PDB file of N, CA and C in Angstrom:
ATOM      1  N   MET A   1       0.528  -0.845  -0.061  1.00  0.00           N
ATOM      2  CA  MET A   1      -0.051  -0.027  -0.245  1.00  0.00           C
ATOM      3  C   MET A   1       0.670   1.036   0.092  1.00  0.00           C
ATOM      4  N   SER A   2       0.486   2.185  -1.222  1.00  0.00           N
ATOM      5  CA  SER A   2       1.627   3.313  -1.305  1.00  0.00           C
ATOM      6  C   SER A   2       0.437   4.753  -0.317  1.00  0.00           C
ATOM      7  N   MET A   3       1.640   5.668   0.584  1.00  0.00           N
ATOM      8  CA  MET A   3       1.195   6.334   1.160  1.00  0.00           C
ATOM      9  C   MET A   3       1.324   7.662   0.672  1.00  0.00           C
ATOM     10  N   GLN A   4       0.524   8.425   0.804  1.00  0.00           N
ATOM     11  CA  GLN A   4       1.238  10.190   0.450  1.00  0.00           C
ATOM     12  C   GLN A   4       1.354  11.050   1.719  1.00  0.00           C
ATOM     13  N   VAL A   5       1.525  12.187   1.901  1.00  0.00           N
ATOM     14  CA  VAL A   5       1.149  12.765   3.394  1.00  0.00           C
ATOM     15  C   VAL A   5       1.183  13.819   2.437  1.00  0.00           C
ATOM     16  N   PHE A   6      -0.131  14.880   2.607  1.00  0.00           N
ATOM     17  CA  PHE A   6      -0.256  16.068   1.912  1.00  0.00           C
ATOM     18  C   PHE A   6      -1.479  16.922   2.975  1.00  0.00           C
ATOM     19  N   THR A   7      -1.224  18.326   2.375  1.00  0.00           N
ATOM     20  CA  THR A   7      -1.432  19.395   3.439  1.00  0.00           C
ATOM     21  C   THR A   7      -3.650  19.455   2.592  1.00  0.00           C
ATOM     22  N   ALA A   8      -3.983  20.121   2.993  1.00  0.00           N
ATOM     23  CA  ALA A   8      -5.544  19.526   2.848  1.00  0.00           C
ATOM     24  C   ALA A   8      -6.623  20.622   3.654  1.00  0.00           C
ATOM     25  N   ARG A   9      -7.579  21.553   2.558  1.00  0.00           N
ATOM     26  CA  ARG A   9      -8.801  22.485   3.269  1.00  0.00           C
ATOM     27  C   ARG A   9     -10.102  21.604   3.204  1.00  0.00           C
ATOM     28  N   VAL A  10     -11.108  21.983   3.956  1.00  0.00           N
ATOM     29  CA  VAL A  10     -12.072  21.701   3.402  1.00  0.00           C
ATOM     30  C   VAL A  10     -12.875  23.062   3.278  1.00  0.00           C
ATOM     31  N   ARG A  11     -13.403  22.489   1.953  1.00  0.00           N
ATOM     32  CA  ARG A  11     -14.221  23.587   1.542  1.00  0.00           C
ATOM     33  C   ARG A  11     -15.733  23.510   0.811  1.00  0.00           C
ATOM     34  N   GLY A  12     -16.473  23.738   1.214  1.00  0.00           N
ATOM     35  CA  GLY A  12     -17.702  23.831   0.614  1.00  0.00           C
ATOM     36  C   GLY A  12     -18.165  21.807   1.140  1.00  0.00           C
ATOM     37  N   GLY A  13     -17.363  21.398   2.682  1.00  0.00           N
ATOM     38  CA  GLY A  13     -17.934  20.253   3.146  1.00  0.00           C
ATOM     39  C   GLY A  13     -16.888  19.485   2.422  1.00  0.00           C
ATOM     40  N   ALA A  14     -15.876  19.751   1.225  1.00  0.00           N
ATOM     41  CA  ALA A  14     -14.941  18.714   0.941  1.00  0.00           C
ATOM     42  C   ALA A  14     -13.843  18.825   1.313  1.00  0.00           C
ATOM     43  N   ILE A  15     -13.042  17.642   1.261  1.00  0.00           N
ATOM     44  CA  ILE A  15     -11.293  18.358   1.481  1.00  0.00           C
ATOM     45  C   ILE A  15     -10.880  18.271   0.283  1.00  0.00           C
ATOM     46  N   VAL A  16     -10.157  19.311   0.157  1.00  0.00           N
ATOM     47  CA  VAL A  16      -9.454  19.453  -1.459  1.00  0.00           C
ATOM     48  C   VAL A  16      -8.038  20.167  -0.878  1.00  0.00           C
ATOM     49  N   PRO A  17      -7.362  19.383  -1.826  1.00  0.00           N
ATOM     50  CA  PRO A  17      -5.650  18.830  -1.327  1.00  0.00           C
ATOM     51  C   PRO A  17      -5.332  20.347  -1.915  1.00  0.00           C
ATOM     52  N   GLU A  18      -4.278  20.861  -1.506  1.00  0.00           N
ATOM     53  CA  GLU A  18      -3.509  22.088  -1.562  1.00  0.00           C
ATOM     54  C   GLU A  18      -2.249  22.041  -2.973  1.00  0.00           C
ATOM     55  N   ASP A  19      -2.051  22.958  -3.070  1.00  0.00           N
ATOM     56  CA  ASP A  19      -0.954  23.204  -4.277  1.00  0.00           C
ATOM     57  C   ASP A  19      -0.834  22.097  -5.324  1.00  0.00           C
ATOM     58  N   GLY A  20      -2.468  22.131  -5.405  1.00  0.00           N
ATOM     59  CA  GLY A  20      -2.425  21.445  -7.195  1.00  0.00           C
ATOM     60  C   GLY A  20      -2.377  20.354  -7.594  1.00  0.00           C
ATOM     61  N   LEU A  21      -2.307  19.344  -6.219  1.00  0.00           N
ATOM     62  CA  LEU A  21      -2.488  18.088  -5.937  1.00  0.00           C
ATOM     63  C   LEU A  21      -3.717  17.542  -6.268  1.00  0.00           C
ATOM     64  N   THR A  22      -3.561  16.642  -7.216  1.00  0.00           N
ATOM     65  CA  THR A  22      -5.513  15.966  -7.353  1.00  0.00           C
ATOM     66  C   THR A  22      -4.880  14.466  -7.047  1.00  0.00           C
ATOM     67  N   LEU A  23      -6.268  13.957  -7.017  1.00  0.00           N
ATOM     68  CA  LEU A  23      -5.747  12.823  -6.396  1.00  0.00           C
ATOM     69  C   LEU A  23      -7.568  12.095  -7.278  1.00  0.00           C
ATOM     70  N   PRO A  24      -6.965  10.554  -7.781  1.00  0.00           N
ATOM     71  CA  PRO A  24      -8.317   9.644  -8.739  1.00  0.00           C
ATOM     72  C   PRO A  24      -9.450   9.364  -7.737  1.00  0.00           C
ATOM     73  N   GLU A  25     -10.401   9.792  -8.588  1.00  0.00           N
ATOM     74  CA  GLU A  25     -11.939   9.863  -7.940  1.00  0.00           C
ATOM     75  C   GLU A  25     -11.756   8.354  -6.963  1.00  0.00           C
ATOM     76  N   GLY A  26     -12.250   8.518  -6.238  1.00  0.00           N
ATOM     77  CA  GLY A  26     -12.109   7.052  -5.168  1.00  0.00           C
ATOM     78  C   GLY A  26     -10.849   6.634  -4.325  1.00  0.00           C
ATOM     79  N   THR A  27     -10.171   7.562  -4.222  1.00  0.00           N
ATOM     80  CA  THR A  27      -8.823   7.822  -3.555  1.00  0.00           C
ATOM     81  C   THR A  27      -9.411   7.654  -1.731  1.00  0.00           C
ATOM     82  N   ALA A  28      -9.060   6.429  -1.548  1.00  0.00           N
ATOM     83  CA  ALA A  28      -8.993   6.650  -0.119  1.00  0.00           C
ATOM     84  C   ALA A  28      -8.091   6.943   0.890  1.00  0.00           C
ATOM     85  N   VAL A  29      -8.986   8.317   1.375  1.00  0.00           N
ATOM     86  CA  VAL A  29      -7.407   9.116   2.655  1.00  0.00           C
ATOM     87  C   VAL A  29      -8.000   9.157   3.805  1.00  0.00           C
ATOM     88  N   THR A  30      -6.956   9.280   4.725  1.00  0.00           N
ATOM     89  CA  THR A  30      -6.758   9.041   6.188  1.00  0.00           C
ATOM     90  C   THR A  30      -6.797  10.426   6.999  1.00  0.00           C
ATOM     91  N   VAL A  31      -7.412  11.250   7.214  1.00  0.00           N
ATOM     92  CA  VAL A  31      -7.493  12.336   7.881  1.00  0.00           C
ATOM     93  C   VAL A  31      -7.459  12.571   9.162  1.00  0.00           C
ATOM     94  N   ILE A  32      -5.982  13.416   9.547  1.00  0.00           N
ATOM     95  CA  ILE A  32      -6.117  13.559  10.875  1.00  0.00           C
ATOM     96  C   ILE A  32      -5.925  15.309  10.788  1.00  0.00           C
ATOM     97  N   ALA A  33      -7.269  15.934  11.647  1.00  0.00           N
ATOM     98  CA  ALA A  33      -7.457  17.388  11.531  1.00  0.00           C
ATOM     99  C   ALA A  33      -6.535  17.787  12.685  1.00  0.00           C
ATOM    100  N   ASP A  34      -6.006  19.080  12.134  1.00  0.00           N
ATOM    101  CA  ASP A  34      -4.901  20.623  12.719  1.00  0.00           C
ATOM    102  C   ASP A  34      -6.119  20.738  13.901  1.00  0.00           C
ATOM    103  N   GLY A  35      -6.054  21.518  15.089  1.00  0.00           N
ATOM    104  CA  GLY A  35      -6.628  22.068  16.304  1.00  0.00           C
ATOM    105  C   GLY A  35      -7.641  21.161  16.667  1.00  0.00           C
ATOM    106  N   GLU A  36      -8.220  22.097  17.535  1.00  0.00           N
ATOM    107  CA  GLU A  36      -9.105  21.365  18.583  1.00  0.00           C
ATOM    108  C   GLU A  36     -10.098  20.451  17.439  1.00  0.00           C
ATOM    109  N   THR A  37     -10.252  19.160  18.054  1.00  0.00           N
ATOM    110  CA  THR A  37     -11.685  18.004  17.513  1.00  0.00           C
ATOM    111  C   THR A  37     -11.884  17.299  18.078  1.00  0.00           C
ATOM    112  N   GLU A  38     -13.186  17.420  18.345  1.00  0.00           N
ATOM    113  CA  GLU A  38     -13.378  15.888  19.046  1.00  0.00           C
ATOM    114  C   GLU A  38     -13.035  14.185  18.375  1.00  0.00           C
ATOM    115  N   GLY A  39     -12.799  13.736  19.672  1.00  0.00           N
ATOM    116  CA  GLY A  39     -12.834  12.587  19.347  1.00  0.00           C
ATOM    117  C   GLY A  39     -13.071  11.885  18.517  1.00  0.00           C
ATOM    118  N   PHE A  40     -12.667  10.361  17.990  1.00  0.00           N
ATOM    119  CA  PHE A  40     -13.174   9.730  16.353  1.00  0.00           C
ATOM    120  C   PHE A  40     -13.042   8.277  17.144  1.00  0.00           C
ATOM    121  N   GLU A  41     -13.870   7.427  16.945  1.00  0.00           N
ATOM    122  CA  GLU A  41     -13.956   6.037  16.702  1.00  0.00           C
ATOM    123  C   GLU A  41     -13.787   5.241  15.222  1.00  0.00           C
ATOM    124  N   THR A  42     -12.747   4.173  15.370  1.00  0.00           N
ATOM    125  CA  THR A  42     -12.499   3.372  14.193  1.00  0.00           C
ATOM    126  C   THR A  42     -12.524   2.177  14.891  1.00  0.00           C
ATOM    127  N   THR A  43     -12.662   1.487  13.130  1.00  0.00           N
ATOM    128  CA  THR A  43     -12.535   0.216  13.458  1.00  0.00           C
ATOM    129  C   THR A  43     -11.177  -0.511  13.746  1.00  0.00           C
ATOM    130  N   ALA A  44     -10.933  -1.846  13.974  1.00  0.00           N
ATOM    131  CA  ALA A  44      -9.789  -1.916  13.703  1.00  0.00           C
ATOM    132  C   ALA A  44      -8.777  -1.845  12.710  1.00  0.00           C
ATOM    133  N   GLU A  45      -9.483  -2.486  12.082  1.00  0.00           N
ATOM    134  CA  GLU A  45      -8.921  -2.576  10.385  1.00  0.00           C
ATOM    135  C   GLU A  45      -8.540  -0.763  10.218  1.00  0.00           C
ATOM    136  N   GLU A  46      -9.344   0.093  10.371  1.00  0.00           N
ATOM    137  CA  GLU A  46      -9.113   1.439  10.122  1.00  0.00           C
ATOM    138  C   GLU A  46      -7.555   2.200  11.067  1.00  0.00           C
ATOM    139  N   GLU A  47      -7.794   1.448  12.831  1.00  0.00           N
ATOM    140  CA  GLU A  47      -6.726   1.648  13.378  1.00  0.00           C
ATOM    141  C   GLU A  47      -5.656   1.141  12.666  1.00  0.00           C
ATOM    142  N   ARG A  48      -5.445  -0.185  12.591  1.00  0.00           N
ATOM    143  CA  ARG A  48      -3.979  -0.099  11.969  1.00  0.00           C
ATOM    144  C   ARG A  48      -3.734   0.546  10.942  1.00  0.00           C
ATOM    145  N   ARG A  49      -4.339   0.575   9.774  1.00  0.00           N
ATOM    146  CA  ARG A  49      -4.307   1.329   8.200  1.00  0.00           C
ATOM    147  C   ARG A  49      -3.814   2.698   8.626  1.00  0.00           C
ATOM    148  N   LEU A  50      -4.145   3.281   9.912  1.00  0.00           N
ATOM    149  CA  LEU A  50      -4.046   4.534  10.146  1.00  0.00           C
ATOM    150  C   LEU A  50      -2.503   4.431  10.663  1.00  0.00           C
ATOM    151  N   LEU A  51      -2.101   3.436  11.813  1.00  0.00           N
ATOM    152  CA  LEU A  51      -0.521   3.531  12.172  1.00  0.00           C
ATOM    153  C   LEU A  51       0.174   2.897  11.719  1.00  0.00           C
ATOM    154  N   ASP A  52      -0.083   2.275  10.786  1.00  0.00           N
ATOM    155  CA  ASP A  52       0.602   1.808   9.746  1.00  0.00           C
ATOM    156  C   ASP A  52       0.997   2.919   8.691  1.00  0.00           C
ATOM    157  N   ALA A  53       0.510   4.340   8.238  1.00  0.00           N
ATOM    158  CA  ALA A  53       1.040   5.310   7.558  1.00  0.00           C
ATOM    159  C   ALA A  53       1.780   6.200   8.562  1.00  0.00           C
ATOM    160  N   ILE A  54       1.268   6.423  10.083  1.00  0.00           N
ATOM    161  CA  ILE A  54       2.291   7.301  10.473  1.00  0.00           C
ATOM    162  C   ILE A  54       3.889   6.285  11.218  1.00  0.00           C
ATOM    163  N   ALA A  55       3.535   5.282  11.349  1.00  0.00           N
ATOM    164  CA  ALA A  55       4.511   4.101  11.342  1.00  0.00           C
ATOM    165  C   ALA A  55       5.534   4.572   9.652  1.00  0.00           C
ATOM    166  N   GLY A  56       4.835   4.596   8.384  1.00  0.00           N
ATOM    167  CA  GLY A  56       5.912   4.570   7.474  1.00  0.00           C
ATOM    168  C   GLY A  56       6.559   6.089   7.568  1.00  0.00           C
ATOM    169  N   VAL A  57       5.405   7.349   8.113  1.00  0.00           N
ATOM    170  CA  VAL A  57       5.648   8.514   7.339  1.00  0.00           C
ATOM    171  C   VAL A  57       6.958   8.609   9.043  1.00  0.00           C
ATOM    172  N   GLU A  58       6.954   8.045   9.637  1.00  0.00           N
ATOM    173  CA  GLU A  58       8.555   8.249  10.714  1.00  0.00           C
ATOM    174  C   GLU A  58       9.519   7.660  10.260  1.00  0.00           C
ATOM    175  N   ARG A  59       9.010   6.047   9.502  1.00  0.00           N
ATOM    176  CA  ARG A  59      10.414   5.786   9.046  1.00  0.00           C
ATOM    177  C   ARG A  59      11.061   6.728   7.840  1.00  0.00           C
ATOM    178  N   GLY A  60      10.459   7.986   7.184  1.00  0.00           N
ATOM    179  CA  GLY A  60      10.693   8.264   6.415  1.00  0.00           C
ATOM    180  C   GLY A  60      10.246   8.452   4.808  1.00  0.00           C
ATOM    181  N   GLU A  61       9.541   6.755   5.311  1.00  0.00           N
ATOM    182  CA  GLU A  61       8.651   6.677   3.608  1.00  0.00           C
ATOM    183  C   GLU A  61       7.937   8.097   3.235  1.00  0.00           C
ATOM    184  N   THR A  62       8.069   8.902   3.032  1.00  0.00           N
ATOM    185  CA  THR A  62       8.103  10.110   2.164  1.00  0.00           C
ATOM    186  C   THR A  62       8.317  10.082   0.986  1.00  0.00           C
ATOM    187  N   VAL A  63       7.626  10.959   0.168  1.00  0.00           N
ATOM    188  CA  VAL A  63       8.186  11.633  -1.011  1.00  0.00           C
ATOM    189  C   VAL A  63       7.618  13.335  -1.281  1.00  0.00           C
ATOM    190  N   ARG A  64       8.835  13.874  -1.485  1.00  0.00           N
ATOM    191  CA  ARG A  64       8.939  15.566  -1.513  1.00  0.00           C
ATOM    192  C   ARG A  64       7.683  15.455  -2.566  1.00  0.00           C
ATOM    193  N   ALA A  65       6.961  16.944  -2.415  1.00  0.00           N
ATOM    194  CA  ALA A  65       5.582  17.265  -2.842  1.00  0.00           C
ATOM    195  C   ALA A  65       6.172  17.254  -4.359  1.00  0.00           C
ATOM    196  N   ALA A  66       7.377  18.297  -4.401  1.00  0.00           N
ATOM    197  CA  ALA A  66       7.629  18.657  -5.680  1.00  0.00           C
ATOM    198  C   ALA A  66       7.723  17.291  -6.785  1.00  0.00           C
ATOM    199  N   ASP A  67       8.364  16.229  -5.911  1.00  0.00           N
ATOM    200  CA  ASP A  67       8.369  14.862  -6.961  1.00  0.00           C
ATOM    201  C   ASP A  67       7.164  14.036  -7.409  1.00  0.00           C
ATOM    202  N   LEU A  68       6.211  14.495  -6.115  1.00  0.00           N
ATOM    203  CA  LEU A  68       5.062  14.063  -6.219  1.00  0.00           C
ATOM    204  C   LEU A  68       4.616  14.963  -7.175  1.00  0.00           C
ATOM    205  N   LEU A  69       4.189  15.455  -7.563  1.00  0.00           N
ATOM    206  CA  LEU A  69       3.738  16.633  -8.157  1.00  0.00           C
ATOM    207  C   LEU A  69       3.899  16.292  -9.498  1.00  0.00           C
ATOM    208  N   GLU A  70       5.480  16.320 -10.119  1.00  0.00           N
ATOM    209  CA  GLU A  70       6.262  15.509 -11.147  1.00  0.00           C
ATOM    210  C   GLU A  70       5.748  14.487 -11.588  1.00  0.00           C
ATOM    211  N   ARG A  71       5.587  13.649 -10.834  1.00  0.00           N
ATOM    212  CA  ARG A  71       4.864  12.034 -11.452  1.00  0.00           C
ATOM    213  C   ARG A  71       3.135  12.118 -11.462  1.00  0.00           C
ATOM    214  N   LEU A  72       2.267  13.343 -10.911  1.00  0.00           N
ATOM    215  CA  LEU A  72       0.823  13.356 -11.528  1.00  0.00           C
ATOM    216  C   LEU A  72       0.989  13.796 -12.188  1.00  0.00           C
ATOM    217  N   ARG A  73       1.591  14.729 -13.148  1.00  0.00           N
ATOM    218  CA  ARG A  73       1.250  15.658 -14.087  1.00  0.00           C
ATOM    219  C   ARG A  73       1.946  14.538 -15.764  1.00  0.00           C
ATOM    220  N   ARG A  74       2.734  12.999 -15.081  1.00  0.00           N
ATOM    221  CA  ARG A  74       2.868  12.428 -16.377  1.00  0.00           C
ATOM    222  C   ARG A  74       1.449  11.623 -16.686  1.00  0.00           C
TER     223      ARG A  74
END
């Protein structure tokens, strides 16, 4: 499973990636909101995927935004 980290904002009730990033229709995303938000519940599978994604970031398994945008343009 490939993971990306990007910044987005909520606009019109939808999560909209910033910096011109586009994602294919139907892409599954995991969102961690900044600021004060209420807690949330997840299924065991969702929690596993979230923890796997966080661990990947901590291991440095990320892509520079410029490189990602270049790949998306192809």
